[in-house]
């Protein structure tokens, strides 16, 4: 059995914590089932979450040991060296944790645990492993393009555009410098392969199948799932409220929107809109089987093709009716319009489609049924295990 170092950010790993945490859990489960000896390396980044033992209770069955790495951050001095890094070493220029101290720490961990393969989740972990030149196969689990999301989060002044350009340089260099990439986005997998000409595997987030004991309501709820710390959730939900919600309420005055997930990073304008009497903000729900009823309408109103839609398989798993913009699920080829979901060009179309769907129980039932079958075939660990094992075995050769 090969020894694999799984590098991840500090924070809870669980299929029901947030998008990133569910990806981490999915990948650990797959690698465990592929018979790797896994050393889980939890990195405490400067100013980010600290290590807490209880955050890893759900994955203890997948790993052989857990190791902590507290990253040192060294702010650079201004001068010629800083300018040189900006021109020739953009990674060091942008990310202050890329330094000799952290490099030596990571090398020592890899040597101590006799590591054969390194698997790094998200860009910071991958950057640290790549910078440390471990002389081991490095698999980068790519979650999204930071430079793309930065353009959508806020207006770009000259300084922001400069740093965004630098990060784009870093991201492109990173995917070229690793042995292989994994991505939950089919379109971004293709982009990575075209950029790097390195092996790249599309790997959707997987979940354990659930059997729901709830029964469908005569009037379906509209569900928005996901914490506001995620750009797509935060901006997508506010756009839905601006464009769709009033029209839906006008046609279906008794309709209810259930917003599930932390509101901690919601904007003031979004929080004000969520005070609507037809909206129930449930916060984080540990047991989703209590609130996700079959044939309820699960919306993804994000209008861009960025990152990984971890909520898609989750919605299908709970037999919800997936309604999304075409752009938001373009990266998931398993989702087919009028087969296992309803997809719309924009939010104005989505509003009309939702109004019709709420009156069509037959269509909701059929989409729910086909969606669950899609989940079984494409979004379980068993359905993806062979792909992962073959992919890593090829890289090791």
Protein backbone atom coordinates (compact mmCIF):
# COMPACT_ATOMS: atom_id res chain seq x y z
CA UNK A 1 0.00 0.00 0.00
CA UNK A 2 1.21 3.48 -0.90
CA UNK A 3 1.60 6.25 1.68
CA UNK A 4 -0.32 9.38 0.70
CA UNK A 5 -0.01 12.82 2.27
CA UNK A 6 -3.39 14.61 2.12
CA UNK A 7 -2.83 18.34 2.68
CA UNK A 8 -5.88 20.35 3.70
CA UNK A 9 -6.83 23.64 5.37
CA UNK A 10 -7.68 23.60 9.07
CA UNK A 11 -11.43 23.37 9.58
CA UNK A 12 -14.19 20.80 9.89
CA UNK A 13 -14.30 18.00 7.31
CA UNK A 14 -17.84 16.77 6.82
CA UNK A 15 -20.22 16.11 3.91
CA UNK A 16 -22.66 18.61 5.42
CA UNK A 17 -20.50 21.50 6.64
CA UNK A 18 -19.88 23.56 3.50
CA UNK A 19 -18.84 23.05 -0.11
CA UNK A 20 -15.12 22.77 0.56
CA UNK A 21 -15.59 20.47 3.56
CA UNK A 22 -17.78 18.12 1.53
CA UNK A 23 -15.16 17.94 -1.23
CA UNK A 24 -12.46 17.10 1.33
CA UNK A 25 -14.64 14.36 2.83
CA UNK A 26 -15.46 12.92 -0.60
CA UNK A 27 -11.80 12.77 -1.64
CA UNK A 28 -10.66 11.21 1.63
CA UNK A 29 -13.34 8.54 1.39
CA UNK A 30 -12.36 7.71 -2.19
CA UNK A 31 -8.65 7.52 -1.40
CA UNK A 32 -9.34 5.31 1.62
CA UNK A 33 -11.44 2.97 -0.52
CA UNK A 34 -8.59 2.96 -3.05
CA UNK A 35 -6.40 1.46 -0.27
CA UNK A 36 -3.95 4.27 0.38
CA UNK A 37 -2.36 4.77 3.79
CA UNK A 38 -3.36 8.37 4.42
CA UNK A 39 -1.52 10.90 6.56
CA UNK A 40 -3.84 13.88 6.97
CA UNK A 41 -1.80 17.08 7.16
CA UNK A 42 -3.88 19.94 8.58
CA UNK A 43 -2.41 23.34 7.76
CA UNK A 44 -3.08 26.34 9.98
CA UNK A 45 -2.69 29.32 7.68
CA UNK A 46 -1.84 32.76 9.08
CA UNK A 47 -5.06 34.56 10.17
CA UNK A 48 -7.21 31.53 9.19
CA UNK A 49 -8.89 28.78 11.23
CA UNK A 50 -6.97 26.99 13.98
CA UNK A 51 -6.69 23.23 14.43
CA UNK A 52 -9.45 21.62 16.52
CA UNK A 53 -9.38 17.87 17.15
CA UNK A 54 -13.15 17.46 16.88
CA UNK A 55 -13.16 18.83 13.32
CA UNK A 56 -11.81 15.49 12.07
CA UNK A 57 -14.00 13.04 13.99
CA UNK A 58 -15.93 12.07 10.86
CA UNK A 59 -12.81 11.12 8.88
CA UNK A 60 -10.84 9.23 11.52
CA UNK A 61 -11.97 6.00 9.85
CA UNK A 62 -10.28 7.10 6.60
CA UNK A 63 -6.85 8.20 7.85
CA UNK A 64 -3.91 6.53 9.56
CA UNK A 65 -2.59 9.64 11.30
CA UNK A 66 -3.24 13.38 11.61
CA UNK A 67 -0.40 15.90 11.61
CA UNK A 68 -0.53 19.66 12.20
CA UNK A 69 1.51 22.27 10.37
CA UNK A 70 1.37 25.84 11.63
CA UNK A 71 2.44 28.04 8.76
CA UNK A 72 4.81 30.92 9.33
CA UNK A 73 4.13 34.11 7.40
CA UNK A 74 6.98 36.52 6.74
CA UNK A 75 5.99 39.93 5.40
CA UNK A 76 8.54 41.09 2.84
CA UNK A 77 10.45 44.33 2.97
CA UNK A 78 10.04 46.85 0.20
CA UNK A 79 12.87 47.28 -2.23
CA UNK A 80 14.55 45.71 -5.23
CA UNK A 81 13.92 42.12 -4.08
CA UNK A 82 10.20 42.80 -3.76
CA UNK A 83 10.15 44.23 -7.27
CA UNK A 84 12.14 41.26 -8.58
CA UNK A 85 9.61 38.85 -7.05
CA UNK A 86 6.72 40.77 -8.62
CA UNK A 87 8.33 40.36 -12.04
CA UNK A 88 9.78 36.87 -11.87
CA UNK A 89 8.38 35.05 -8.79
CA UNK A 90 4.71 36.08 -8.52
CA UNK A 91 3.86 33.23 -6.13
CA UNK A 92 6.36 34.46 -3.53
CA UNK A 93 5.22 38.03 -4.19
CA UNK A 94 1.54 37.23 -3.46
CA UNK A 95 1.72 34.50 -0.82
CA UNK A 96 3.88 35.22 2.22
CA UNK A 97 3.66 31.64 3.54
CA UNK A 98 5.94 30.53 0.71
CA UNK A 99 9.21 30.69 2.60
CA UNK A 100 12.12 28.50 3.64
CA UNK A 101 10.72 27.79 7.12
CA UNK A 102 7.52 26.22 5.84
CA UNK A 103 9.36 24.42 3.06
CA UNK A 104 11.62 22.68 5.57
CA UNK A 105 8.66 21.76 7.80
CA UNK A 106 6.79 20.12 4.93
CA UNK A 107 9.85 18.26 3.69
CA UNK A 108 10.47 16.88 7.17
CA UNK A 109 6.86 15.64 7.44
CA UNK A 110 7.02 13.93 4.05
CA UNK A 111 10.28 12.21 4.99
CA UNK A 112 9.12 11.14 8.45
CA UNK A 113 5.98 9.46 7.08
CA UNK A 114 7.73 7.92 4.07
CA UNK A 115 5.28 9.57 1.68
CA UNK A 116 4.91 8.23 -1.87
CA UNK A 117 2.23 10.57 -3.23
CA UNK A 118 1.07 14.05 -2.20
CA UNK A 119 -2.54 15.17 -2.62
CA UNK A 120 -3.14 18.88 -2.00
CA UNK A 121 -6.63 20.34 -1.56
CA UNK A 122 -7.25 23.88 -2.81
CA UNK A 123 -4.69 26.32 -4.14
CA UNK A 124 -2.83 27.31 -0.96
CA UNK A 125 -2.06 23.71 -0.02
CA UNK A 126 -0.97 22.99 -3.59
CA UNK A 127 1.19 26.11 -3.70
CA UNK A 128 2.97 25.12 -0.48
CA UNK A 129 3.63 21.57 -1.71
CA UNK A 130 4.76 22.76 -5.15
CA UNK A 131 7.06 25.43 -3.68
CA UNK A 132 8.60 22.87 -1.32
CA UNK A 133 9.90 20.74 -4.23
CA UNK A 134 9.23 17.44 -2.47
CA UNK A 135 10.34 15.35 -5.46
CA UNK A 136 7.14 13.31 -5.17
CA UNK A 137 4.10 13.04 -7.45
CA UNK A 138 1.85 15.99 -6.54
CA UNK A 139 -1.89 15.90 -7.26
CA UNK A 140 -3.64 19.27 -7.04
CA UNK A 141 -7.34 19.08 -6.15
CA UNK A 142 -8.47 22.25 -7.90
CA UNK A 143 -11.63 23.89 -6.52
CA UNK A 144 -11.90 27.05 -8.63
CA UNK A 145 -9.96 29.77 -10.41
CA UNK A 146 -9.30 32.54 -7.89
CA UNK A 147 -8.66 35.15 -10.57
CA UNK A 148 -12.09 34.54 -12.12
CA UNK A 149 -13.97 34.77 -8.83
CA UNK A 150 -12.11 37.95 -7.85
CA UNK A 151 -13.54 39.71 -10.90
CA UNK A 152 -17.09 38.83 -9.80
CA UNK A 153 -16.80 39.69 -6.11
CA UNK A 154 -16.14 43.42 -6.41
CA UNK A 155 -15.21 46.21 -8.77
CA UNK A 156 -11.58 46.06 -9.84
CA UNK A 157 -9.50 49.18 -9.27
CA UNK A 158 -5.95 49.39 -10.62
CA UNK A 159 -4.33 47.77 -7.56
CA UNK A 160 -6.86 44.92 -7.47
CA UNK A 161 -6.38 44.31 -11.18
CA UNK A 162 -2.63 44.12 -10.69
CA UNK A 163 -2.85 41.57 -7.87
CA UNK A 164 -5.47 39.61 -9.78
CA UNK A 165 -3.15 39.44 -12.78
CA UNK A 166 -0.36 38.18 -10.52
CA UNK A 167 -2.62 35.48 -9.05
CA UNK A 168 -3.64 34.42 -12.53
CA UNK A 169 0.04 33.99 -13.39
CA UNK A 170 0.50 31.90 -10.24
CA UNK A 171 -2.54 29.69 -10.89
CA UNK A 172 -1.46 28.96 -14.45
CA UNK A 173 2.09 28.18 -13.36
CA UNK A 174 0.82 25.93 -10.56
CA UNK A 175 -1.29 23.66 -12.81
CA UNK A 176 1.70 23.34 -15.12
CA UNK A 177 4.06 22.50 -12.24
CA UNK A 178 2.17 19.64 -10.60
CA UNK A 179 1.99 16.02 -11.75
CA UNK A 180 -1.78 16.05 -12.21
CA UNK A 181 -5.00 17.87 -11.31
CA UNK A 182 -8.40 16.80 -10.06
CA UNK A 183 -11.41 19.07 -10.52
CA UNK A 184 -15.11 18.88 -9.75
CA UNK A 185 -15.78 21.01 -12.83
CA UNK A 186 -15.75 19.32 -16.22
CA UNK A 187 -15.10 22.60 -18.02
CA UNK A 188 -12.28 23.64 -15.70
CA UNK A 189 -10.76 20.16 -16.05
CA UNK A 190 -10.56 20.77 -19.79
CA UNK A 191 -9.07 24.23 -19.25
CA UNK A 192 -6.40 22.82 -16.92
CA UNK A 193 -5.45 20.07 -19.37
CA UNK A 194 -5.22 22.54 -22.27
CA UNK A 195 -3.05 24.90 -20.20
CA UNK A 196 -0.70 22.33 -18.75
CA UNK A 197 -0.90 19.27 -20.99
CA UNK A 198 -0.71 17.32 -17.71
CA UNK A 199 -3.18 14.60 -16.68
CA UNK A 200 -6.45 16.06 -15.39
CA UNK A 201 -9.46 14.15 -14.06
CA UNK A 202 -13.02 15.40 -13.74
CA UNK A 203 -14.20 14.13 -10.36
CA UNK A 204 -17.62 15.26 -9.08
CA UNK A 205 -18.23 15.45 -5.35
CA UNK A 206 -19.58 12.16 -4.00
CA UNK A 207 -21.96 11.47 -1.12
CA UNK A 208 -23.43 8.50 0.73
CA UNK A 209 -26.96 7.77 -0.45
CA UNK A 210 -29.74 8.78 1.93
CA UNK A 211 -33.24 7.38 2.28
CA UNK A 212 -35.65 10.16 3.14
CA UNK A 213 -38.69 9.49 5.32
CA UNK A 214 -40.36 12.83 4.60
CA UNK A 215 -43.28 13.02 2.20
CA UNK A 216 -43.75 15.64 -0.53
CA UNK A 217 -45.85 18.71 0.24
CA UNK A 218 -48.82 19.70 -1.92
CA UNK A 219 -47.22 23.13 -2.24
CA UNK A 220 -43.46 22.62 -2.69
CA UNK A 221 -40.94 24.69 -0.80
CA UNK A 222 -38.21 26.48 -2.70
CA UNK A 223 -34.82 25.59 -1.23
CA UNK A 224 -31.58 27.57 -1.30
CA UNK A 225 -28.78 25.62 0.39
CA UNK A 226 -25.32 26.89 1.23
CA UNK A 227 -23.56 29.34 3.52
CA UNK A 228 -23.03 32.97 2.51
CA UNK A 229 -19.27 32.60 2.81
CA UNK A 230 -19.34 31.22 -0.74
CA UNK A 231 -19.44 33.84 -3.50
CA UNK A 232 -21.87 31.91 -5.70
CA UNK A 233 -24.32 31.39 -2.81
CA UNK A 234 -24.19 34.97 -1.59
CA UNK A 235 -24.46 36.77 -4.92
CA UNK A 236 -26.73 34.17 -6.51
CA UNK A 237 -29.32 34.28 -3.72
CA UNK A 238 -29.48 38.08 -3.74
CA UNK A 239 -29.96 38.13 -7.51
CA UNK A 240 -32.74 35.54 -7.17
CA UNK A 241 -34.52 37.75 -4.65
CA UNK A 242 -34.13 40.79 -6.91
CA UNK A 243 -35.24 39.15 -10.15
CA UNK A 244 -37.52 36.18 -9.34
CA UNK A 245 -39.01 36.29 -5.88
CA UNK A 246 -41.70 38.97 -6.21
CA UNK A 247 -43.10 37.38 -9.38
CA UNK A 248 -43.25 33.96 -7.70
CA UNK A 249 -45.05 35.33 -4.64
CA UNK A 250 -47.52 37.21 -6.85
CA UNK A 251 -48.55 33.93 -8.52
CA UNK A 252 -48.17 31.71 -5.44
CA UNK A 253 -48.76 33.85 -2.32
CA UNK A 254 -48.34 30.85 0.00
CA UNK A 255 -44.94 29.85 -1.43
CA UNK A 256 -42.04 29.65 0.98
CA UNK A 257 -38.33 30.02 0.42
CA UNK A 258 -36.14 28.07 2.87
CA UNK A 259 -32.63 29.50 3.14
CA UNK A 260 -30.33 26.89 4.70
CA UNK A 261 -26.79 27.78 5.75
CA UNK A 262 -24.89 30.36 7.75
CA UNK A 263 -25.66 34.02 7.04
CA UNK A 264 -22.44 35.14 8.70
CA UNK A 265 -20.94 36.74 5.58
CA UNK A 266 -24.17 37.98 3.99
CA UNK A 267 -24.22 41.64 2.92
CA UNK A 268 -26.42 44.17 4.69
CA UNK A 269 -28.61 44.47 1.59
CA UNK A 270 -29.12 40.69 1.43
CA UNK A 271 -29.98 40.45 5.12
CA UNK A 272 -32.61 43.14 4.68
CA UNK A 273 -34.23 41.24 1.78
CA UNK A 274 -34.28 38.04 3.83
CA UNK A 275 -36.67 39.65 6.35
CA UNK A 276 -39.52 38.78 3.96
CA UNK A 277 -42.35 36.99 5.79
CA UNK A 278 -42.38 34.23 3.12
CA UNK A 279 -38.71 33.41 3.76
CA UNK A 280 -37.47 31.10 6.51
CA UNK A 281 -33.76 31.40 7.32
CA UNK A 282 -32.87 28.15 9.06
CA UNK A 283 -29.13 28.74 9.49
CA UNK A 284 -26.81 25.74 9.50
CA UNK A 285 -28.80 22.48 9.65
CA UNK A 286 -26.77 19.48 10.79
CA UNK A 287 -29.35 16.88 9.74
CA UNK A 288 -30.66 17.85 6.31
CA UNK A 289 -33.07 14.91 6.27
CA UNK A 290 -35.27 16.95 8.64
CA UNK A 291 -35.82 19.76 6.13
CA UNK A 292 -35.11 18.56 2.57
CA UNK A 293 -38.39 17.06 1.44
CA UNK A 294 -38.66 15.03 -1.78
CA UNK A 295 -39.98 17.00 -4.73
CA UNK A 296 -39.23 20.38 -3.17
CA UNK A 297 -37.61 22.77 -5.64
CA UNK A 298 -33.86 23.22 -5.14
CA UNK A 299 -32.57 26.39 -6.83
CA UNK A 300 -29.08 27.32 -8.01
CA UNK A 301 -29.42 30.91 -9.26
CA UNK A 302 -25.70 31.58 -9.81
CA UNK A 303 -25.26 32.99 -13.32
CA UNK A 304 -21.67 31.99 -14.08
CA UNK A 305 -19.72 28.85 -14.86
CA UNK A 306 -17.17 28.97 -12.04
CA UNK A 307 -15.91 26.44 -9.53
CA UNK A 308 -17.61 23.29 -8.27
CA UNK A 309 -21.34 22.94 -7.61
CA UNK A 310 -21.21 20.60 -4.61
CA UNK A 311 -24.92 21.19 -3.92
CA UNK A 312 -26.02 19.53 -7.17
CA UNK A 313 -25.45 15.88 -6.12
CA UNK A 314 -26.73 16.74 -2.64
CA UNK A 315 -30.03 17.97 -4.09
CA UNK A 316 -30.42 14.86 -6.23
CA UNK A 317 -29.57 12.64 -3.27
CA UNK A 318 -32.51 14.08 -1.30
CA UNK A 319 -34.82 13.67 -4.30
CA UNK A 320 -35.24 17.39 -4.75
CA UNK A 321 -36.16 18.95 -8.10
CA UNK A 322 -33.09 20.77 -9.37
CA UNK A 323 -33.74 24.16 -11.02
CA UNK A 324 -30.68 26.10 -12.13
CA UNK A 325 -29.24 28.49 -14.66
CA UNK A 326 -27.50 26.73 -17.51
CA UNK A 327 -24.24 28.51 -16.69
CA UNK A 328 -24.20 27.35 -13.06
CA UNK A 329 -24.25 23.65 -13.97
CA UNK A 330 -22.37 23.81 -17.27
CA UNK A 331 -19.44 22.20 -15.46
CA UNK A 332 -21.51 19.11 -14.55
CA UNK A 333 -22.33 17.19 -17.75
CA UNK A 334 -24.47 14.69 -15.84
CA UNK A 335 -27.19 17.35 -15.47
CA UNK A 336 -29.55 17.28 -18.45
CA UNK A 337 -32.33 19.77 -19.06
CA UNK A 338 -35.84 18.28 -18.93
CA UNK A 339 -34.39 14.92 -17.88
CA UNK A 340 -33.10 15.25 -14.33
CA UNK A 341 -33.35 19.04 -13.92
CA UNK A 342 -34.84 22.20 -15.36
CA UNK A 343 -32.26 24.64 -16.72
CA UNK A 344 -32.79 28.23 -17.82
CA UNK A 345 -30.76 30.80 -19.75
CA UNK A 346 -31.22 33.50 -17.11
CA UNK A 347 -33.10 34.34 -13.93
CA UNK A 348 -36.03 35.92 -15.76
CA UNK A 349 -36.64 32.59 -17.50
CA UNK A 350 -36.14 30.81 -14.19
CA UNK A 351 -38.90 32.86 -12.55
CA UNK A 352 -41.43 31.84 -15.21
CA UNK A 353 -40.27 28.24 -15.09
CA UNK A 354 -40.59 28.06 -11.30
CA UNK A 355 -44.11 29.47 -11.40
CA UNK A 356 -45.15 26.72 -13.85
CA UNK A 357 -43.27 23.98 -12.03
CA UNK A 358 -44.99 24.72 -8.73
CA UNK A 359 -48.30 23.84 -10.39
CA UNK A 360 -47.02 20.65 -12.04
CA UNK A 361 -46.74 17.86 -9.48
CA UNK A 362 -46.34 15.20 -12.19
CA UNK A 363 -43.22 16.85 -13.61
CA UNK A 364 -41.78 17.38 -10.13
CA UNK A 365 -42.25 13.71 -9.31
CA UNK A 366 -40.57 12.56 -12.55
CA UNK A 367 -37.59 14.91 -12.23
CA UNK A 368 -37.13 13.85 -8.61
CA UNK A 369 -37.12 10.17 -9.57
CA UNK A 370 -34.65 10.54 -12.47
CA UNK A 371 -32.45 12.82 -10.38
CA UNK A 372 -32.06 10.16 -7.69
CA UNK A 373 -31.11 7.58 -10.33
CA UNK A 374 -28.48 10.00 -11.66
CA UNK A 375 -27.11 10.36 -8.15
CA UNK A 376 -26.70 6.59 -7.76
CA UNK A 377 -24.93 6.26 -11.12
CA UNK A 378 -22.58 9.26 -10.94
CA UNK A 379 -22.27 10.80 -7.49
CA UNK A 380 -21.45 7.99 -5.08
CA UNK A 381 -17.97 6.87 -4.02
CA UNK A 382 -18.61 3.46 -5.57
CA UNK A 383 -19.41 5.02 -8.95
CA UNK A 384 -16.16 7.05 -9.03
CA UNK A 385 -13.70 4.73 -7.25
CA UNK A 386 -12.29 3.02 -10.34
CA UNK A 387 -11.67 6.37 -12.07
CA UNK A 388 -9.69 7.70 -9.12
CA UNK A 389 -7.60 4.58 -8.59
CA UNK A 390 -6.68 4.23 -12.25
CA UNK A 391 -5.83 7.92 -12.49
CA UNK A 392 -3.42 7.96 -9.54
CA UNK A 393 -1.85 4.63 -10.49
CA UNK A 394 -1.08 6.09 -13.93
CA UNK A 395 0.55 9.17 -12.38
CA UNK A 396 2.71 7.05 -10.09
CA UNK A 397 4.09 5.18 -13.09
